[in-house]
């Protein structure tokens, strides 16, 4: 694994290369898409992207945790967490690409 992270700028550049919008329009499109996804999640809605996966916000209740260093009990407050579930199509693509890398 290379440990490389894909940035917003790289996504915008990919849109620019593939779609042919200007660089500014491509960056605006990526920002609008990410903002729309975030807004829906904030509202508590699920976001499903066909052949990619779904994002969902779940509520986790409060509980008592333990500091691993000291063993001291620490209260963990209730919170909302973001969960991503990849589609079977995405999983298959990842595993197919992984298999090609193992062979080469």
PDB file of N, CA and C in Angstrom:
ATOM      1  N   UNK A   1       0.834  -1.186   0.000  1.00  0.00           N
ATOM      2  CA  UNK A   1       0.000   0.000   0.000  1.00  0.00           C
ATOM      3  C   UNK A   1       0.877   1.246   0.000  1.00  0.00           C
ATOM      4  N   UNK A   2       0.462   2.217  -0.745  1.00  0.00           N
ATOM      5  CA  UNK A   2       1.260   3.426  -0.847  1.00  0.00           C
ATOM      6  C   UNK A   2       0.947   4.417   0.265  1.00  0.00           C
ATOM      7  N   UNK A   3      -0.226   4.312   0.915  1.00  0.00           N
ATOM      8  CA  UNK A   3      -0.599   5.252   1.949  1.00  0.00           C
ATOM      9  C   UNK A   3      -1.003   6.603   1.400  1.00  0.00           C
ATOM     10  N   UNK A   4      -1.205   6.694   0.092  1.00  0.00           N
ATOM     11  CA  UNK A   4      -1.557   7.945  -0.571  1.00  0.00           C
ATOM     12  C   UNK A   4      -3.006   8.316  -0.262  1.00  0.00           C
ATOM     13  N   UNK A   5      -3.250   9.593  -0.032  1.00  0.00           N
ATOM     14  CA  UNK A   5      -4.590  10.109   0.219  1.00  0.00           C
ATOM     15  C   UNK A   5      -5.036  10.926  -0.986  1.00  0.00           C
ATOM     16  N   UNK A   6      -6.262  10.726  -1.415  1.00  0.00           N
ATOM     17  CA  UNK A   6      -6.818  11.504  -2.522  1.00  0.00           C
ATOM     18  C   UNK A   6      -7.411  12.779  -1.939  1.00  0.00           C
ATOM     19  N   UNK A   7      -7.049  13.911  -2.513  1.00  0.00           N
ATOM     20  CA  UNK A   7      -7.505  15.213  -2.019  1.00  0.00           C
ATOM     21  C   UNK A   7      -8.644  15.755  -2.872  1.00  0.00           C
ATOM     22  N   UNK A   8      -9.284  16.793  -2.364  1.00  0.00           N
ATOM     23  CA  UNK A   8     -10.346  17.468  -3.123  1.00  0.00           C
ATOM     24  C   UNK A   8      -9.775  18.010  -4.444  1.00  0.00           C
ATOM     25  N   UNK A   9      -8.570  18.547  -4.378  1.00  0.00           N
ATOM     26  CA  UNK A   9      -7.941  19.095  -5.579  1.00  0.00           C
ATOM     27  C   UNK A   9      -7.735  17.999  -6.622  1.00  0.00           C
ATOM     28  N   UNK A  10      -7.351  16.808  -6.182  1.00  0.00           N
ATOM     29  CA  UNK A  10      -7.163  15.701  -7.120  1.00  0.00           C
ATOM     30  C   UNK A  10      -8.492  15.237  -7.707  1.00  0.00           C
ATOM     31  N   UNK A  11      -9.540  15.231  -6.893  1.00  0.00           N
ATOM     32  CA  UNK A  11     -10.864  14.891  -7.413  1.00  0.00           C
ATOM     33  C   UNK A  11     -11.308  15.915  -8.454  1.00  0.00           C
ATOM     34  N   UNK A  12     -11.092  17.191  -8.157  1.00  0.00           N
ATOM     35  CA  UNK A  12     -11.451  18.256  -9.097  1.00  0.00           C
ATOM     36  C   UNK A  12     -10.650  18.120 -10.388  1.00  0.00           C
ATOM     37  N   UNK A  13      -9.384  17.778 -10.280  1.00  0.00           N
ATOM     38  CA  UNK A  13      -8.550  17.580 -11.470  1.00  0.00           C
ATOM     39  C   UNK A  13      -9.052  16.409 -12.297  1.00  0.00           C
ATOM     40  N   UNK A  14      -9.496  15.340 -11.634  1.00  0.00           N
ATOM     41  CA  UNK A  14     -10.045  14.184 -12.353  1.00  0.00           C
ATOM     42  C   UNK A  14     -11.315  14.563 -13.094  1.00  0.00           C
ATOM     43  N   UNK A  15     -12.169  15.372 -12.465  1.00  0.00           N
ATOM     44  CA  UNK A  15     -13.388  15.842 -13.142  1.00  0.00           C
ATOM     45  C   UNK A  15     -12.997  16.703 -14.331  1.00  0.00           C
ATOM     46  N   UNK A  16     -12.021  17.576 -14.147  1.00  0.00           N
ATOM     47  CA  UNK A  16     -11.540  18.438 -15.232  1.00  0.00           C
ATOM     48  C   UNK A  16     -11.066  17.596 -16.413  1.00  0.00           C
ATOM     49  N   UNK A  17     -10.280  16.557 -16.137  1.00  0.00           N
ATOM     50  CA  UNK A  17      -9.728  15.707 -17.199  1.00  0.00           C
ATOM     51  C   UNK A  17     -10.812  14.901 -17.909  1.00  0.00           C
ATOM     52  N   UNK A  18     -11.755  14.363 -17.147  1.00  0.00           N
ATOM     53  CA  UNK A  18     -12.769  13.460 -17.700  1.00  0.00           C
ATOM     54  C   UNK A  18     -13.944  14.176 -18.346  1.00  0.00           C
ATOM     55  N   UNK A  19     -14.410  15.256 -17.720  1.00  0.00           N
ATOM     56  CA  UNK A  19     -15.659  15.894 -18.159  1.00  0.00           C
ATOM     57  C   UNK A  19     -15.404  17.078 -19.069  1.00  0.00           C
ATOM     58  N   UNK A  20     -14.302  17.755 -18.853  1.00  0.00           N
ATOM     59  CA  UNK A  20     -13.990  18.887 -19.713  1.00  0.00           C
ATOM     60  C   UNK A  20     -14.511  20.215 -19.198  1.00  0.00           C
ATOM     61  N   UNK A  21     -15.003  20.261 -17.966  1.00  0.00           N
ATOM     62  CA  UNK A  21     -15.355  21.546 -17.365  1.00  0.00           C
ATOM     63  C   UNK A  21     -14.063  22.305 -17.096  1.00  0.00           C
ATOM     64  N   UNK A  22     -14.186  23.600 -16.841  1.00  0.00           N
ATOM     65  CA  UNK A  22     -12.990  24.346 -16.465  1.00  0.00           C
ATOM     66  C   UNK A  22     -12.514  23.854 -15.106  1.00  0.00           C
ATOM     67  N   UNK A  23     -11.288  24.206 -14.745  1.00  0.00           N
ATOM     68  CA  UNK A  23     -10.771  23.778 -13.442  1.00  0.00           C
ATOM     69  C   UNK A  23     -11.620  24.343 -12.309  1.00  0.00           C
ATOM     70  N   UNK A  24     -12.016  25.611 -12.437  1.00  0.00           N
ATOM     71  CA  UNK A  24     -12.854  26.227 -11.396  1.00  0.00           C
ATOM     72  C   UNK A  24     -14.217  25.551 -11.320  1.00  0.00           C
ATOM     73  N   UNK A  25     -14.825  25.274 -12.457  1.00  0.00           N
ATOM     74  CA  UNK A  25     -16.132  24.595 -12.463  1.00  0.00           C
ATOM     75  C   UNK A  25     -16.011  23.192 -11.882  1.00  0.00           C
ATOM     76  N   UNK A  26     -14.928  22.520 -12.179  1.00  0.00           N
ATOM     77  CA  UNK A  26     -14.702  21.173 -11.649  1.00  0.00           C
ATOM     78  C   UNK A  26     -14.566  21.213 -10.129  1.00  0.00           C
ATOM     79  N   UNK A  27     -13.810  22.182  -9.627  1.00  0.00           N
ATOM     80  CA  UNK A  27     -13.640  22.326  -8.176  1.00  0.00           C
ATOM     81  C   UNK A  27     -14.978  22.654  -7.514  1.00  0.00           C
ATOM     82  N   UNK A  28     -15.758  23.521  -8.139  1.00  0.00           N
ATOM     83  CA  UNK A  28     -17.079  23.875  -7.603  1.00  0.00           C
ATOM     84  C   UNK A  28     -18.008  22.667  -7.588  1.00  0.00           C
ATOM     85  N   UNK A  29     -17.945  21.847  -8.637  1.00  0.00           N
ATOM     86  CA  UNK A  29     -18.777  20.646  -8.699  1.00  0.00           C
ATOM     87  C   UNK A  29     -18.430  19.681  -7.572  1.00  0.00           C
ATOM     88  N   UNK A  30     -17.146  19.445  -7.345  1.00  0.00           N
ATOM     89  CA  UNK A  30     -16.708  18.545  -6.272  1.00  0.00           C
ATOM     90  C   UNK A  30     -17.160  19.102  -4.920  1.00  0.00           C
ATOM     91  N   UNK A  31     -16.977  20.394  -4.698  1.00  0.00           N
ATOM     92  CA  UNK A  31     -17.402  21.020  -3.436  1.00  0.00           C
ATOM     93  C   UNK A  31     -18.903  20.893  -3.240  1.00  0.00           C
ATOM     94  N   UNK A  32     -19.680  21.146  -4.291  1.00  0.00           N
ATOM     95  CA  UNK A  32     -21.139  21.056  -4.198  1.00  0.00           C
ATOM     96  C   UNK A  32     -21.584  19.643  -3.858  1.00  0.00           C
ATOM     97  N   UNK A  33     -20.964  18.671  -4.483  1.00  0.00           N
ATOM     98  CA  UNK A  33     -21.307  17.273  -4.233  1.00  0.00           C
ATOM     99  C   UNK A  33     -21.001  16.892  -2.784  1.00  0.00           C
ATOM    100  N   UNK A  34     -19.816  17.239  -2.307  1.00  0.00           N
ATOM    101  CA  UNK A  34     -19.439  16.912  -0.933  1.00  0.00           C
ATOM    102  C   UNK A  34     -20.315  17.656   0.076  1.00  0.00           C
ATOM    103  N   UNK A  35     -20.651  18.917  -0.216  1.00  0.00           N
ATOM    104  CA  UNK A  35     -21.534  19.689   0.664  1.00  0.00           C
ATOM    105  C   UNK A  35     -22.919  19.056   0.733  1.00  0.00           C
ATOM    106  N   UNK A  36     -23.435  18.613  -0.403  1.00  0.00           N
ATOM    107  CA  UNK A  36     -24.765  17.994  -0.446  1.00  0.00           C
ATOM    108  C   UNK A  36     -24.783  16.706   0.374  1.00  0.00           C
ATOM    109  N   UNK A  37     -23.752  15.889   0.228  1.00  0.00           N
ATOM    110  CA  UNK A  37     -23.652  14.652   1.013  1.00  0.00           C
ATOM    111  C   UNK A  37     -23.604  14.986   2.500  1.00  0.00           C
ATOM    112  N   UNK A  38     -22.750  15.933   2.887  1.00  0.00           N
ATOM    113  CA  UNK A  38     -22.616  16.313   4.297  1.00  0.00           C
ATOM    114  C   UNK A  38     -23.935  16.859   4.845  1.00  0.00           C
ATOM    115  N   UNK A  39     -24.616  17.711   4.081  1.00  0.00           N
ATOM    116  CA  UNK A  39     -25.877  18.303   4.536  1.00  0.00           C
ATOM    117  C   UNK A  39     -26.925  17.228   4.807  1.00  0.00           C
ATOM    118  N   UNK A  40     -27.025  16.244   3.929  1.00  0.00           N
ATOM    119  CA  UNK A  40     -27.995  15.166   4.112  1.00  0.00           C
ATOM    120  C   UNK A  40     -27.663  14.344   5.356  1.00  0.00           C
ATOM    121  N   UNK A  41     -26.393  14.070   5.569  1.00  0.00           N
ATOM    122  CA  UNK A  41     -25.979  13.303   6.746  1.00  0.00           C
ATOM    123  C   UNK A  41     -26.252  14.080   8.033  1.00  0.00           C
ATOM    124  N   UNK A  42     -26.012  15.380   8.013  1.00  0.00           N
ATOM    125  CA  UNK A  42     -26.287  16.230   9.175  1.00  0.00           C
ATOM    126  C   UNK A  42     -27.773  16.186   9.522  1.00  0.00           C
ATOM    127  N   UNK A  43     -28.611  16.130   8.487  1.00  0.00           N
ATOM    128  CA  UNK A  43     -30.066  16.062   8.695  1.00  0.00           C
ATOM    129  C   UNK A  43     -30.523  14.678   9.148  1.00  0.00           C
ATOM    130  N   UNK A  44     -29.602  13.726   9.204  1.00  0.00           N
ATOM    131  CA  UNK A  44     -29.952  12.379   9.638  1.00  0.00           C
ATOM    132  C   UNK A  44     -30.387  11.455   8.518  1.00  0.00           C
ATOM    133  N   UNK A  45     -30.238  11.901   7.282  1.00  0.00           N
ATOM    134  CA  UNK A  45     -30.612  11.088   6.125  1.00  0.00           C
ATOM    135  C   UNK A  45     -29.453  10.179   5.726  1.00  0.00           C
ATOM    136  N   UNK A  46     -29.793   9.041   5.127  1.00  0.00           N
ATOM    137  CA  UNK A  46     -28.776   8.166   4.545  1.00  0.00           C
ATOM    138  C   UNK A  46     -28.471   8.655   3.139  1.00  0.00           C
ATOM    139  N   UNK A  47     -27.247   8.443   2.699  1.00  0.00           N
ATOM    140  CA  UNK A  47     -26.853   8.799   1.336  1.00  0.00           C
ATOM    141  C   UNK A  47     -26.403   7.519   0.651  1.00  0.00           C
ATOM    142  N   UNK A  48     -27.126   7.138  -0.411  1.00  0.00           N
ATOM    143  CA  UNK A  48     -26.785   5.931  -1.160  1.00  0.00           C
ATOM    144  C   UNK A  48     -26.334   6.328  -2.551  1.00  0.00           C
ATOM    145  N   UNK A  49     -25.148   5.869  -2.918  1.00  0.00           N
ATOM    146  CA  UNK A  49     -24.599   6.136  -4.243  1.00  0.00           C
ATOM    147  C   UNK A  49     -24.502   4.791  -4.943  1.00  0.00           C
ATOM    148  N   UNK A  50     -25.319   4.619  -5.975  1.00  0.00           N
ATOM    149  CA  UNK A  50     -25.414   3.352  -6.679  1.00  0.00           C
ATOM    150  C   UNK A  50     -24.050   2.872  -7.148  1.00  0.00           C
ATOM    151  N   UNK A  51     -23.785   1.596  -6.975  1.00  0.00           N
ATOM    152  CA  UNK A  51     -22.541   0.933  -7.370  1.00  0.00           C
ATOM    153  C   UNK A  51     -21.319   1.428  -6.597  1.00  0.00           C
ATOM    154  N   UNK A  52     -21.543   2.215  -5.547  1.00  0.00           N
ATOM    155  CA  UNK A  52     -20.436   2.706  -4.725  1.00  0.00           C
ATOM    156  C   UNK A  52     -20.636   2.301  -3.275  1.00  0.00           C
ATOM    157  N   UNK A  53     -21.707   2.790  -2.651  1.00  0.00           N
ATOM    158  CA  UNK A  53     -21.971   2.431  -1.272  1.00  0.00           C
ATOM    159  C   UNK A  53     -22.923   3.400  -0.622  1.00  0.00           C
ATOM    160  N   UNK A  54     -23.106   3.249   0.677  1.00  0.00           N
ATOM    161  CA  UNK A  54     -24.016   4.129   1.392  1.00  0.00           C
ATOM    162  C   UNK A  54     -23.359   4.664   2.661  1.00  0.00           C
ATOM    163  N   UNK A  55     -23.702   5.908   2.965  1.00  0.00           N
ATOM    164  CA  UNK A  55     -23.255   6.582   4.168  1.00  0.00           C
ATOM    165  C   UNK A  55     -24.457   6.722   5.081  1.00  0.00           C
ATOM    166  N   UNK A  56     -24.249   6.512   6.371  1.00  0.00           N
ATOM    167  CA  UNK A  56     -25.343   6.603   7.320  1.00  0.00           C
ATOM    168  C   UNK A  56     -24.798   7.107   8.650  1.00  0.00           C
ATOM    169  N   UNK A  57     -25.607   7.928   9.335  1.00  0.00           N
ATOM    170  CA  UNK A  57     -25.246   8.397  10.667  1.00  0.00           C
ATOM    171  C   UNK A  57     -25.997   7.529  11.668  1.00  0.00           C
ATOM    172  N   UNK A  58     -25.275   7.010  12.645  1.00  0.00           N
ATOM    173  CA  UNK A  58     -25.883   6.189  13.697  1.00  0.00           C
ATOM    174  C   UNK A  58     -25.618   6.846  15.040  1.00  0.00           C
ATOM    175  N   UNK A  59     -26.564   6.667  15.930  1.00  0.00           N
ATOM    176  CA  UNK A  59     -26.399   7.172  17.296  1.00  0.00           C
ATOM    177  C   UNK A  59     -25.839   6.063  18.171  1.00  0.00           C
ATOM    178  N   UNK A  60     -24.839   6.410  18.949  1.00  0.00           N
ATOM    179  CA  UNK A  60     -24.271   5.460  19.908  1.00  0.00           C
ATOM    180  C   UNK A  60     -24.576   5.988  21.300  1.00  0.00           C
ATOM    181  N   UNK A  61     -25.021   5.108  22.154  1.00  0.00           N
ATOM    182  CA  UNK A  61     -25.345   5.499  23.517  1.00  0.00           C
ATOM    183  C   UNK A  61     -24.103   5.709  24.352  1.00  0.00           C
ATOM    184  N   UNK A  62     -24.309   6.358  25.480  1.00  0.00           N
ATOM    185  CA  UNK A  62     -23.205   6.552  26.408  1.00  0.00           C
ATOM    186  C   UNK A  62     -22.839   5.219  27.059  1.00  0.00           C
ATOM    187  N   UNK A  63     -21.614   5.136  27.509  1.00  0.00           N
ATOM    188  CA  UNK A  63     -21.158   3.915  28.172  1.00  0.00           C
ATOM    189  C   UNK A  63     -19.927   4.250  29.004  1.00  0.00           C
ATOM    190  N   UNK A  64     -19.513   3.282  29.771  1.00  0.00           N
ATOM    191  CA  UNK A  64     -18.301   3.459  30.569  1.00  0.00           C
ATOM    192  C   UNK A  64     -17.156   2.773  29.836  1.00  0.00           C
ATOM    193  N   UNK A  65     -16.112   3.536  29.549  1.00  0.00           N
ATOM    194  CA  UNK A  65     -14.925   2.996  28.902  1.00  0.00           C
ATOM    195  C   UNK A  65     -13.806   2.873  29.919  1.00  0.00           C
ATOM    196  N   UNK A  66     -12.670   2.426  29.443  1.00  0.00           N
ATOM    197  CA  UNK A  66     -11.538   2.249  30.347  1.00  0.00           C
ATOM    198  C   UNK A  66     -10.283   2.806  29.668  1.00  0.00           C
ATOM    199  N   UNK A  67      -9.551   3.620  30.396  1.00  0.00           N
ATOM    200  CA  UNK A  67      -8.279   4.136  29.911  1.00  0.00           C
ATOM    201  C   UNK A  67      -7.310   2.959  29.865  1.00  0.00           C
ATOM    202  N   UNK A  68      -6.797   2.593  28.664  1.00  0.00           N
ATOM    203  CA  UNK A  68      -5.942   1.414  28.569  1.00  0.00           C
ATOM    204  C   UNK A  68      -4.616   1.559  29.327  1.00  0.00           C
ATOM    205  N   UNK A  69      -4.169   2.787  29.517  1.00  0.00           N
ATOM    206  CA  UNK A  69      -2.890   3.010  30.195  1.00  0.00           C
ATOM    207  C   UNK A  69      -3.018   2.842  31.710  1.00  0.00           C
ATOM    208  N   UNK A  70      -4.086   3.444  32.255  1.00  0.00           N
ATOM    209  CA  UNK A  70      -4.220   3.470  33.719  1.00  0.00           C
ATOM    210  C   UNK A  70      -5.256   2.479  34.239  1.00  0.00           C
ATOM    211  N   UNK A  71      -6.153   1.999  33.347  1.00  0.00           N
ATOM    212  CA  UNK A  71      -7.221   1.111  33.782  1.00  0.00           C
ATOM    213  C   UNK A  71      -8.377   1.856  34.421  1.00  0.00           C
ATOM    214  N   UNK A  72      -8.281   3.186  34.485  1.00  0.00           N
ATOM    215  CA  UNK A  72      -9.311   4.010  35.102  1.00  0.00           C
ATOM    216  C   UNK A  72     -10.573   4.024  34.229  1.00  0.00           C
ATOM    217  N   UNK A  73     -11.749   3.921  34.876  1.00  0.00           N
ATOM    218  CA  UNK A  73     -13.009   3.992  34.143  1.00  0.00           C
ATOM    219  C   UNK A  73     -13.291   5.429  33.754  1.00  0.00           C
ATOM    220  N   UNK A  74     -13.748   5.616  32.512  1.00  0.00           N
ATOM    221  CA  UNK A  74     -14.007   6.946  31.980  1.00  0.00           C
ATOM    222  C   UNK A  74     -15.374   6.922  31.298  1.00  0.00           C
ATOM    223  N   UNK A  75     -16.252   7.897  31.596  1.00  0.00           N
ATOM    224  CA  UNK A  75     -17.548   7.919  30.907  1.00  0.00           C
ATOM    225  C   UNK A  75     -17.376   8.374  29.454  1.00  0.00           C
ATOM    226  N   UNK A  76     -18.033   7.673  28.544  1.00  0.00           N
ATOM    227  CA  UNK A  76     -18.029   8.050  27.123  1.00  0.00           C
ATOM    228  C   UNK A  76     -19.428   8.571  26.815  1.00  0.00           C
ATOM    229  N   UNK A  77     -19.500   9.807  26.347  1.00  0.00           N
ATOM    230  CA  UNK A  77     -20.776  10.470  26.098  1.00  0.00           C
ATOM    231  C   UNK A  77     -21.484   9.874  24.875  1.00  0.00           C
ATOM    232  N   UNK A  78     -22.820   9.952  24.841  1.00  0.00           N
ATOM    233  CA  UNK A  78     -23.539   9.546  23.633  1.00  0.00           C
ATOM    234  C   UNK A  78     -23.073  10.408  22.453  1.00  0.00           C
ATOM    235  N   UNK A  79     -23.041   9.824  21.275  1.00  0.00           N
ATOM    236  CA  UNK A  79     -22.553  10.571  20.111  1.00  0.00           C
ATOM    237  C   UNK A  79     -23.130   9.981  18.843  1.00  0.00           C
ATOM    238  N   UNK A  80     -22.926  10.700  17.759  1.00  0.00           N
ATOM    239  CA  UNK A  80     -23.322  10.223  16.438  1.00  0.00           C
ATOM    240  C   UNK A  80     -22.064   9.856  15.682  1.00  0.00           C
ATOM    241  N   UNK A  81     -22.112   8.730  14.971  1.00  0.00           N
ATOM    242  CA  UNK A  81     -20.953   8.270  14.209  1.00  0.00           C
ATOM    243  C   UNK A  81     -21.362   8.057  12.753  1.00  0.00           C
ATOM    244  N   UNK A  82     -20.420   8.246  11.862  1.00  0.00           N
ATOM    245  CA  UNK A  82     -20.649   8.052  10.437  1.00  0.00           C
ATOM    246  C   UNK A  82     -20.191   6.659  10.040  1.00  0.00           C
ATOM    247  N   UNK A  83     -21.054   5.957   9.320  1.00  0.00           N
ATOM    248  CA  UNK A  83     -20.762   4.595   8.885  1.00  0.00           C
ATOM    249  C   UNK A  83     -20.838   4.559   7.361  1.00  0.00           C
ATOM    250  N   UNK A  84     -19.850   3.912   6.737  1.00  0.00           N
ATOM    251  CA  UNK A  84     -19.877   3.706   5.289  1.00  0.00           C
ATOM    252  C   UNK A  84     -19.947   2.220   5.018  1.00  0.00           C
ATOM    253  N   UNK A  85     -20.885   1.830   4.162  1.00  0.00           N
ATOM    254  CA  UNK A  85     -20.993   0.430   3.747  1.00  0.00           C
ATOM    255  C   UNK A  85     -20.791   0.378   2.237  1.00  0.00           C
ATOM    256  N   UNK A  86     -19.704  -0.213   1.787  1.00  0.00           N
ATOM    257  CA  UNK A  86     -19.467  -0.293   0.341  1.00  0.00           C
ATOM    258  C   UNK A  86     -20.468  -1.236  -0.322  1.00  0.00           C
ATOM    259  N   UNK A  87     -20.798  -0.944  -1.579  1.00  0.00           N
ATOM    260  CA  UNK A  87     -21.686  -1.819  -2.341  1.00  0.00           C
ATOM    261  C   UNK A  87     -20.921  -3.073  -2.759  1.00  0.00           C
ATOM    262  N   UNK A  88     -21.657  -4.083  -3.150  1.00  0.00           N
ATOM    263  CA  UNK A  88     -21.011  -5.303  -3.644  1.00  0.00           C
ATOM    264  C   UNK A  88     -20.223  -5.016  -4.919  1.00  0.00           C
ATOM    265  N   UNK A  89     -20.713  -4.085  -5.735  1.00  0.00           N
ATOM    266  CA  UNK A  89     -20.006  -3.718  -6.969  1.00  0.00           C
ATOM    267  C   UNK A  89     -18.629  -3.148  -6.634  1.00  0.00           C
ATOM    268  N   UNK A  90     -18.572  -2.250  -5.652  1.00  0.00           N
ATOM    269  CA  UNK A  90     -17.300  -1.653  -5.253  1.00  0.00           C
ATOM    270  C   UNK A  90     -16.373  -2.705  -4.646  1.00  0.00           C
ATOM    271  N   UNK A  91     -16.927  -3.551  -3.782  1.00  0.00           N
ATOM    272  CA  UNK A  91     -16.112  -4.621  -3.183  1.00  0.00           C
ATOM    273  C   UNK A  91     -15.518  -5.518  -4.259  1.00  0.00           C
ATOM    274  N   UNK A  92     -16.334  -5.884  -5.249  1.00  0.00           N
ATOM    275  CA  UNK A  92     -15.851  -6.741  -6.331  1.00  0.00           C
ATOM    276  C   UNK A  92     -14.741  -6.063  -7.129  1.00  0.00           C
ATOM    277  N   UNK A  93     -14.899  -4.759  -7.408  1.00  0.00           N
ATOM    278  CA  UNK A  93     -13.860  -4.027  -8.145  1.00  0.00           C
ATOM    279  C   UNK A  93     -12.561  -3.990  -7.361  1.00  0.00           C
ATOM    280  N   UNK A  94     -12.659  -3.744  -6.055  1.00  0.00           N
ATOM    281  CA  UNK A  94     -11.461  -3.678  -5.217  1.00  0.00           C
ATOM    282  C   UNK A  94     -10.761  -5.034  -5.182  1.00  0.00           C
ATOM    283  N   UNK A  95     -11.539  -6.085  -4.992  1.00  0.00           N
ATOM    284  CA  UNK A  95     -10.943  -7.416  -4.918  1.00  0.00           C
ATOM    285  C   UNK A  95     -10.369  -7.863  -6.254  1.00  0.00           C
ATOM    286  N   UNK A  96     -11.011  -7.486  -7.358  1.00  0.00           N
ATOM    287  CA  UNK A  96     -10.475  -7.819  -8.673  1.00  0.00           C
ATOM    288  C   UNK A  96      -9.143  -7.096  -8.902  1.00  0.00           C
ATOM    289  N   UNK A  97      -9.080  -5.821  -8.522  1.00  0.00           N
ATOM    290  CA  UNK A  97      -7.829  -5.049  -8.685  1.00  0.00           C
ATOM    291  C   UNK A  97      -6.740  -5.609  -7.776  1.00  0.00           C
ATOM    292  N   UNK A  98      -7.107  -6.012  -6.570  1.00  0.00           N
ATOM    293  CA  UNK A  98      -6.151  -6.593  -5.632  1.00  0.00           C
ATOM    294  C   UNK A  98      -5.586  -7.894  -6.199  1.00  0.00           C
ATOM    295  N   UNK A  99      -6.452  -8.708  -6.789  1.00  0.00           N
ATOM    296  CA  UNK A  99      -6.018  -9.971  -7.380  1.00  0.00           C
ATOM    297  C   UNK A  99      -5.050  -9.761  -8.528  1.00  0.00           C
ATOM    298  N   UNK A 100      -5.304  -8.743  -9.349  1.00  0.00           N
ATOM    299  CA  UNK A 100      -4.378  -8.433 -10.471  1.00  0.00           C
ATOM    300  C   UNK A 100      -3.011  -8.018  -9.948  1.00  0.00           C
ATOM    301  N   UNK A 101      -2.995  -7.238  -8.830  1.00  0.00           N
ATOM    302  CA  UNK A 101      -1.713  -6.814  -8.270  1.00  0.00           C
ATOM    303  C   UNK A 101      -0.940  -7.975  -7.696  1.00  0.00           C
ATOM    304  N   UNK A 102      -1.645  -8.957  -7.118  1.00  0.00           N
ATOM    305  CA  UNK A 102      -0.985 -10.129  -6.532  1.00  0.00           C
ATOM    306  C   UNK A 102      -0.356 -10.999  -7.601  1.00  0.00           C
ATOM    307  N   UNK A 103      -0.982 -11.051  -8.786  1.00  0.00           N
ATOM    308  CA  UNK A 103      -0.467 -11.884  -9.875  1.00  0.00           C
ATOM    309  C   UNK A 103       0.766 -11.271 -10.522  1.00  0.00           C
ATOM    310  N   UNK A 104       0.806  -9.928 -10.565  1.00  0.00           N
ATOM    311  CA  UNK A 104       1.878  -9.228 -11.287  1.00  0.00           C
ATOM    312  C   UNK A 104       3.061  -9.041 -10.501  1.00  0.00           C
TER     313      UNK A 104
END
